[in-house]
Amino acid sequence: MSILKLLAMKKEEQPISMVTCYDAWSAKILAKSSVDCVLVGDSVSMVVHGFDSTLSATVDMMSNHVAAVTRGLGASTEKVLVGDMPFMSFRKGKKEAMRAAEQIMRAGAHAVKLEGVWGHEKIISHLVGSGIPVQGHIGLTPQSIHALGGYKVQGRHEDQREDLIKQAEQLEELGCFSVVLECVPKELSRLISSSLNIPTIGIGAGPYCDGQVLVMQDMLGLNGEFKPKFLKTYLEGGQKYLEAFNDFDKEVKAHHFPSDKESYQ
């Protein structure tokens, strides 16, 4: 799988699948799957590190997790691996942005993803011109959560709608190979997806995007009570884990584990 393959999938109307991943052991499982793309998202700061937003993610944090996922996927994987550019890493000028992107790419990412477009058009253009594939991200942009006033659907009002259309067009013009649409009404996603030559990857953006992405822990039911409207859980993993922990506890206390089978003679 390559960036060019994703563009071909858009042209051939083949849906693209993407799953977030933050560590080596789950990456090993993903490597055996038919999922097309893997995203090391800055959501790692919330899902793995326990922060209450993505703002706590750093370049070092992202590159460390990208490196772990790279090792887990292995050299033979055909997955496209995208690493998030964390909060402010691309807003401190071209030099700082390039340093951050270089660190994430050297850790193993095939591309970087950054949120928004207005105010850092030159950064995006410079990254692309330097041979770094860039994925855009518009709609609900978690790094701007305080400015947006919370985790809300974007694009319901006419001014937001027009702005998102312009953002998507600008990202394509700047050379991005795809764009994530987060928490956007489905008809607006349909309009944007049909107007672009690059793929759209939706999360909470309805069925008309060219692909879909979900956070692994969310889709596996491992993230507690977090159940937004757009999420479908494919496994009640949290309950399965809990049952396994309790079974282990019972066997230890009943002197059933370890047995002779698990003991060295």
Protein backbone atom coordinates (compact mmCIF):
# COMPACT_ATOMS: atom_id res chain seq x y z
CA MET A 1 0.00 0.00 0.00
CA SER A 2 1.24 3.48 -0.83
CA ILE A 3 -0.02 7.04 -1.01
CA LEU A 4 -0.50 6.58 -4.75
CA LYS A 5 -2.60 3.47 -4.10
CA LEU A 6 -4.94 5.50 -1.89
CA LEU A 7 -5.42 8.00 -4.69
CA ALA A 8 -6.16 5.12 -7.05
CA MET A 9 -8.69 3.70 -4.58
CA LYS A 10 -10.48 7.06 -4.60
CA LYS A 11 -10.60 7.02 -8.39
CA GLU A 12 -11.83 3.42 -8.46
CA GLU A 13 -14.38 4.12 -5.70
CA GLN A 14 -12.85 1.54 -3.36
CA PRO A 15 -13.48 2.49 0.29
CA ILE A 16 -10.39 3.04 2.45
CA SER A 17 -10.14 1.73 6.03
CA MET A 18 -7.99 3.33 8.72
CA VAL A 19 -7.50 2.47 12.40
CA THR A 20 -5.53 4.30 15.08
CA CYS A 21 -2.73 2.41 16.81
CA TYR A 22 -0.29 3.44 19.52
CA ASP A 23 1.88 0.44 20.41
CA ALA A 24 3.79 -2.52 19.02
CA TRP A 25 1.64 -5.41 20.25
CA SER A 26 -1.58 -4.13 18.69
CA ALA A 27 0.33 -3.10 15.56
CA LYS A 28 1.40 -6.74 15.15
CA ILE A 29 -2.27 -7.72 15.05
CA LEU A 30 -3.16 -4.90 12.67
CA ALA A 31 -0.31 -5.97 10.38
CA LYS A 32 -2.15 -9.25 9.74
CA SER A 33 -5.46 -7.50 9.04
CA SER A 34 -6.88 -6.17 5.79
CA VAL A 35 -7.05 -2.60 7.14
CA ASP A 36 -5.44 -0.19 4.66
CA CYS A 37 -3.99 2.55 6.86
CA VAL A 38 -2.76 3.03 10.41
CA LEU A 39 -2.88 6.37 12.21
CA VAL A 40 -0.76 7.16 15.23
CA GLY A 41 -3.04 9.94 16.40
CA ASP A 42 -2.41 12.56 19.05
CA SER A 43 -5.44 11.00 20.75
CA VAL A 44 -2.73 8.79 22.29
CA SER A 45 -2.37 11.52 24.92
CA MET A 46 -5.93 10.79 26.06
CA VAL A 47 -6.32 7.08 25.34
CA VAL A 48 -2.93 5.89 26.59
CA HIS A 49 -1.59 8.68 28.80
CA GLY A 50 -4.84 9.70 30.46
CA PHE A 51 -4.89 13.42 29.66
CA ASP A 52 -8.24 15.12 29.13
CA SER A 53 -7.44 16.45 25.65
CA THR A 54 -4.97 16.04 22.79
CA LEU A 55 -3.17 19.25 23.74
CA SER A 56 -0.73 17.35 25.96
CA ALA A 57 0.75 15.39 23.06
CA THR A 58 4.32 16.35 22.18
CA VAL A 59 6.60 15.62 19.25
CA ASP A 60 8.64 13.28 21.43
CA MET A 61 5.50 11.45 22.54
CA MET A 62 4.28 11.09 18.96
CA SER A 63 7.63 9.94 17.56
CA ASN A 64 8.03 7.36 20.33
CA HIS A 65 4.63 5.86 19.59
CA VAL A 66 5.23 6.00 15.82
CA ALA A 67 8.47 4.08 16.36
CA ALA A 68 6.68 1.45 18.47
CA VAL A 69 3.95 0.98 15.87
CA THR A 70 6.56 0.81 13.09
CA ARG A 71 8.34 -2.01 14.90
CA GLY A 72 5.05 -3.81 15.46
CA LEU A 73 3.94 -3.53 11.85
CA GLY A 74 7.27 -4.88 10.62
CA ALA A 75 9.25 -4.13 7.50
CA SER A 76 6.99 -6.22 5.27
CA THR A 77 3.77 -4.36 6.04
CA GLU A 78 1.89 -2.65 3.25
CA LYS A 79 -0.06 -0.36 5.56
CA VAL A 80 0.21 3.39 5.08
CA LEU A 81 1.38 4.73 8.46
CA VAL A 82 0.41 8.32 9.29
CA GLY A 83 1.69 10.21 12.34
CA ASP A 84 -0.06 13.24 13.83
CA MET A 85 1.71 16.57 14.13
CA PRO A 86 0.80 17.55 17.72
CA PHE A 87 -0.52 20.83 19.08
CA MET A 88 1.57 23.88 18.12
CA SER A 89 4.28 21.80 16.44
CA PHE A 90 3.49 23.37 13.06
CA ARG A 91 2.63 26.87 14.31
CA LYS A 92 6.08 27.97 15.47
CA GLY A 93 7.50 28.68 12.06
CA LYS A 94 8.89 26.66 9.19
CA LYS A 95 12.06 25.55 10.97
CA GLU A 96 10.23 24.11 13.98
CA ALA A 97 7.58 22.48 11.80
CA MET A 98 10.21 20.81 9.65
CA ARG A 99 12.08 19.59 12.72
CA ALA A 100 8.88 18.05 14.11
CA ALA A 101 7.93 16.43 10.81
CA GLU A 102 11.44 15.07 10.36
CA GLN A 103 11.39 13.47 13.81
CA ILE A 104 8.03 11.81 13.17
CA MET A 105 9.04 10.61 9.71
CA ARG A 106 12.41 9.26 10.91
CA ALA A 107 10.50 7.30 13.55
CA GLY A 108 8.79 5.41 10.73
CA ALA A 109 5.76 7.36 9.52
CA HIS A 110 5.03 7.44 5.80
CA ALA A 111 3.12 10.70 6.15
CA VAL A 112 2.10 13.32 8.69
CA LYS A 113 -1.34 14.68 9.52
CA LEU A 114 -2.05 18.19 10.72
CA GLU A 115 -5.21 20.00 11.70
CA GLY A 116 -6.71 23.01 9.94
CA VAL A 117 -5.30 25.04 7.11
CA TRP A 118 -5.73 28.78 7.62
CA GLY A 119 -2.53 30.36 8.86
CA HIS A 120 -0.20 27.52 7.98
CA GLU A 121 -0.65 27.19 4.24
CA LYS A 122 3.04 27.91 3.68
CA ILE A 123 4.03 25.19 6.14
CA ILE A 124 1.88 22.61 4.34
CA SER A 125 3.27 23.64 0.97
CA HIS A 126 6.85 23.45 2.28
CA LEU A 127 6.30 20.02 3.83
CA VAL A 128 4.84 18.68 0.59
CA GLY A 129 7.58 20.31 -1.44
CA SER A 130 10.14 18.63 0.81
CA GLY A 131 8.80 15.19 -0.05
CA ILE A 132 6.70 14.71 3.08
CA PRO A 133 3.18 13.45 2.30
CA VAL A 134 0.62 15.47 4.26
CA GLN A 135 -2.89 14.48 5.30
CA GLY A 136 -5.21 17.34 6.19
CA HIS A 137 -7.80 17.34 8.96
CA ILE A 138 -10.81 19.66 9.10
CA GLY A 139 -14.21 19.86 10.78
CA LEU A 140 -13.91 19.12 14.46
CA THR A 141 -10.22 19.68 15.11
CA PRO A 142 -9.49 18.54 18.70
CA GLN A 143 -6.36 20.71 19.01
CA SER A 144 -8.68 23.74 18.69
CA ILE A 145 -11.22 22.41 21.16
CA HIS A 146 -11.16 25.53 23.36
CA ALA A 147 -11.68 27.82 20.38
CA LEU A 148 -14.53 25.62 19.11
CA GLY A 149 -16.24 25.63 22.49
CA GLY A 150 -16.26 21.85 22.93
CA TYR A 151 -16.60 18.67 20.94
CA LYS A 152 -19.38 19.78 18.58
CA VAL A 153 -20.45 18.89 15.05
CA GLN A 154 -19.00 21.41 12.60
CA GLY A 155 -20.57 22.69 9.38
CA ARG A 156 -24.23 22.90 10.36
CA HIS A 157 -24.36 26.65 9.75
CA GLU A 158 -23.92 28.24 6.34
CA ASP A 159 -20.78 30.19 7.21
CA GLN A 160 -19.10 27.06 8.66
CA ARG A 161 -20.24 25.04 5.69
CA GLU A 162 -18.70 27.42 3.16
CA ASP A 163 -15.50 27.67 5.18
CA LEU A 164 -15.07 23.89 5.37
CA ILE A 165 -15.56 23.59 1.62
CA LYS A 166 -12.88 26.24 1.08
CA GLN A 167 -10.54 24.53 3.55
CA ALA A 168 -10.89 21.19 1.76
CA GLU A 169 -10.24 22.78 -1.62
CA GLN A 170 -7.22 24.62 -0.26
CA LEU A 171 -5.73 21.44 1.23
CA GLU A 172 -5.96 19.71 -2.13
CA GLU A 173 -4.45 22.74 -3.87
CA LEU A 174 -1.54 22.75 -1.40
CA GLY A 175 -0.74 19.14 -2.28
CA CYS A 176 -2.26 17.10 0.53
CA PHE A 177 -2.86 13.47 -0.47
CA SER A 178 -6.05 13.13 1.60
CA VAL A 179 -8.14 14.92 4.20
CA VAL A 180 -9.86 13.73 7.38
CA LEU A 181 -13.38 15.06 7.92
CA GLU A 182 -14.36 14.86 11.59
CA CYS A 183 -17.89 15.35 12.94
CA VAL A 184 -19.33 16.91 9.79
CA PRO A 185 -22.93 16.48 8.54
CA LYS A 186 -23.12 13.67 6.01
CA GLU A 187 -24.45 15.76 3.12
CA LEU A 188 -21.62 18.26 3.51
CA SER A 189 -19.17 15.36 3.56
CA ARG A 190 -20.78 14.05 0.37
CA LEU A 191 -20.35 17.44 -1.30
CA ILE A 192 -16.73 17.80 -0.24
CA SER A 193 -15.84 14.20 -1.14
CA SER A 194 -17.38 14.48 -4.60
CA SER A 195 -15.63 17.77 -5.33
CA LEU A 196 -12.10 16.62 -4.44
CA ASN A 197 -9.68 14.46 -6.41
CA ILE A 198 -8.01 13.33 -3.16
CA PRO A 199 -9.66 10.88 -0.74
CA THR A 200 -11.65 11.99 2.28
CA ILE A 201 -11.43 9.89 5.45
CA GLY A 202 -14.40 10.33 7.74
CA ILE A 203 -14.92 10.00 11.46
CA GLY A 204 -18.41 11.01 12.45
CA ALA A 205 -18.87 12.33 8.92
CA GLY A 206 -21.35 9.84 7.49
CA PRO A 207 -21.16 7.18 4.78
CA TYR A 208 -20.20 9.30 1.77
CA CYS A 209 -16.51 9.80 2.55
CA ASP A 210 -13.96 7.80 0.57
CA GLY A 211 -12.80 6.06 3.74
CA GLN A 212 -13.43 5.73 7.46
CA VAL A 213 -11.22 5.88 10.55
CA LEU A 214 -11.90 4.85 14.13
CA VAL A 215 -9.83 4.82 17.30
CA MET A 216 -8.89 1.19 18.02
CA GLN A 217 -9.79 1.29 21.71
CA ASP A 218 -13.18 2.82 20.88
CA MET A 219 -14.15 0.28 18.23
CA LEU A 220 -13.02 -2.59 20.48
CA GLY A 221 -15.11 -1.37 23.40
CA LEU A 222 -12.06 -0.65 25.57
CA ASN A 223 -12.70 3.02 26.26
CA GLY A 224 -15.25 2.84 29.07
CA GLU A 225 -18.44 4.76 28.59
CA PHE A 226 -17.21 6.78 25.61
CA LYS A 227 -19.95 6.10 23.07
CA PRO A 228 -20.53 9.02 20.70
CA LYS A 229 -23.21 8.75 18.03
CA PHE A 230 -20.70 8.03 15.25
CA LEU A 231 -19.04 5.09 17.01
CA LYS A 232 -19.76 1.45 16.31
CA THR A 233 -18.16 -1.06 18.66
CA TYR A 234 -17.10 -4.33 17.04
CA LEU A 235 -16.15 -6.06 20.28
CA GLU A 236 -17.04 -5.64 23.95
CA GLY A 237 -13.36 -5.75 24.77
CA GLY A 238 -13.62 -4.02 28.11
CA GLN A 239 -15.95 -6.72 29.42
CA LYS A 240 -13.74 -9.47 27.98
CA TYR A 241 -10.66 -8.02 29.69
CA LEU A 242 -12.53 -7.69 32.98
CA GLU A 243 -13.70 -11.29 32.83
CA ALA A 244 -10.16 -12.48 32.13
CA PHE A 245 -8.72 -10.50 35.04
CA ASN A 246 -11.36 -11.86 37.42
CA ASP A 247 -10.84 -15.44 36.17
CA PHE A 248 -7.11 -15.09 36.83
CA ASP A 249 -7.77 -13.71 40.30
CA LYS A 250 -10.13 -16.58 41.17
CA GLU A 251 -7.69 -19.25 39.98
CA VAL A 252 -4.78 -17.74 41.90
CA LYS A 253 -6.80 -17.55 45.12
CA ALA A 254 -8.16 -21.08 44.64
CA HIS A 255 -4.62 -22.43 44.00
CA HIS A 256 -5.65 -23.53 40.49
CA PHE A 257 -2.98 -21.42 38.81
CA PRO A 258 -0.26 -22.23 38.17
CA SER A 259 -0.88 -25.96 37.79
CA ASP A 260 1.67 -28.59 36.83
CA LYS A 261 1.02 -27.63 33.21
CA GLU A 262 2.37 -24.12 33.86
CA SER A 263 5.23 -25.24 36.13
CA TYR A 264 8.78 -26.33 35.34
CA GLN A 265 9.77 -29.86 36.46
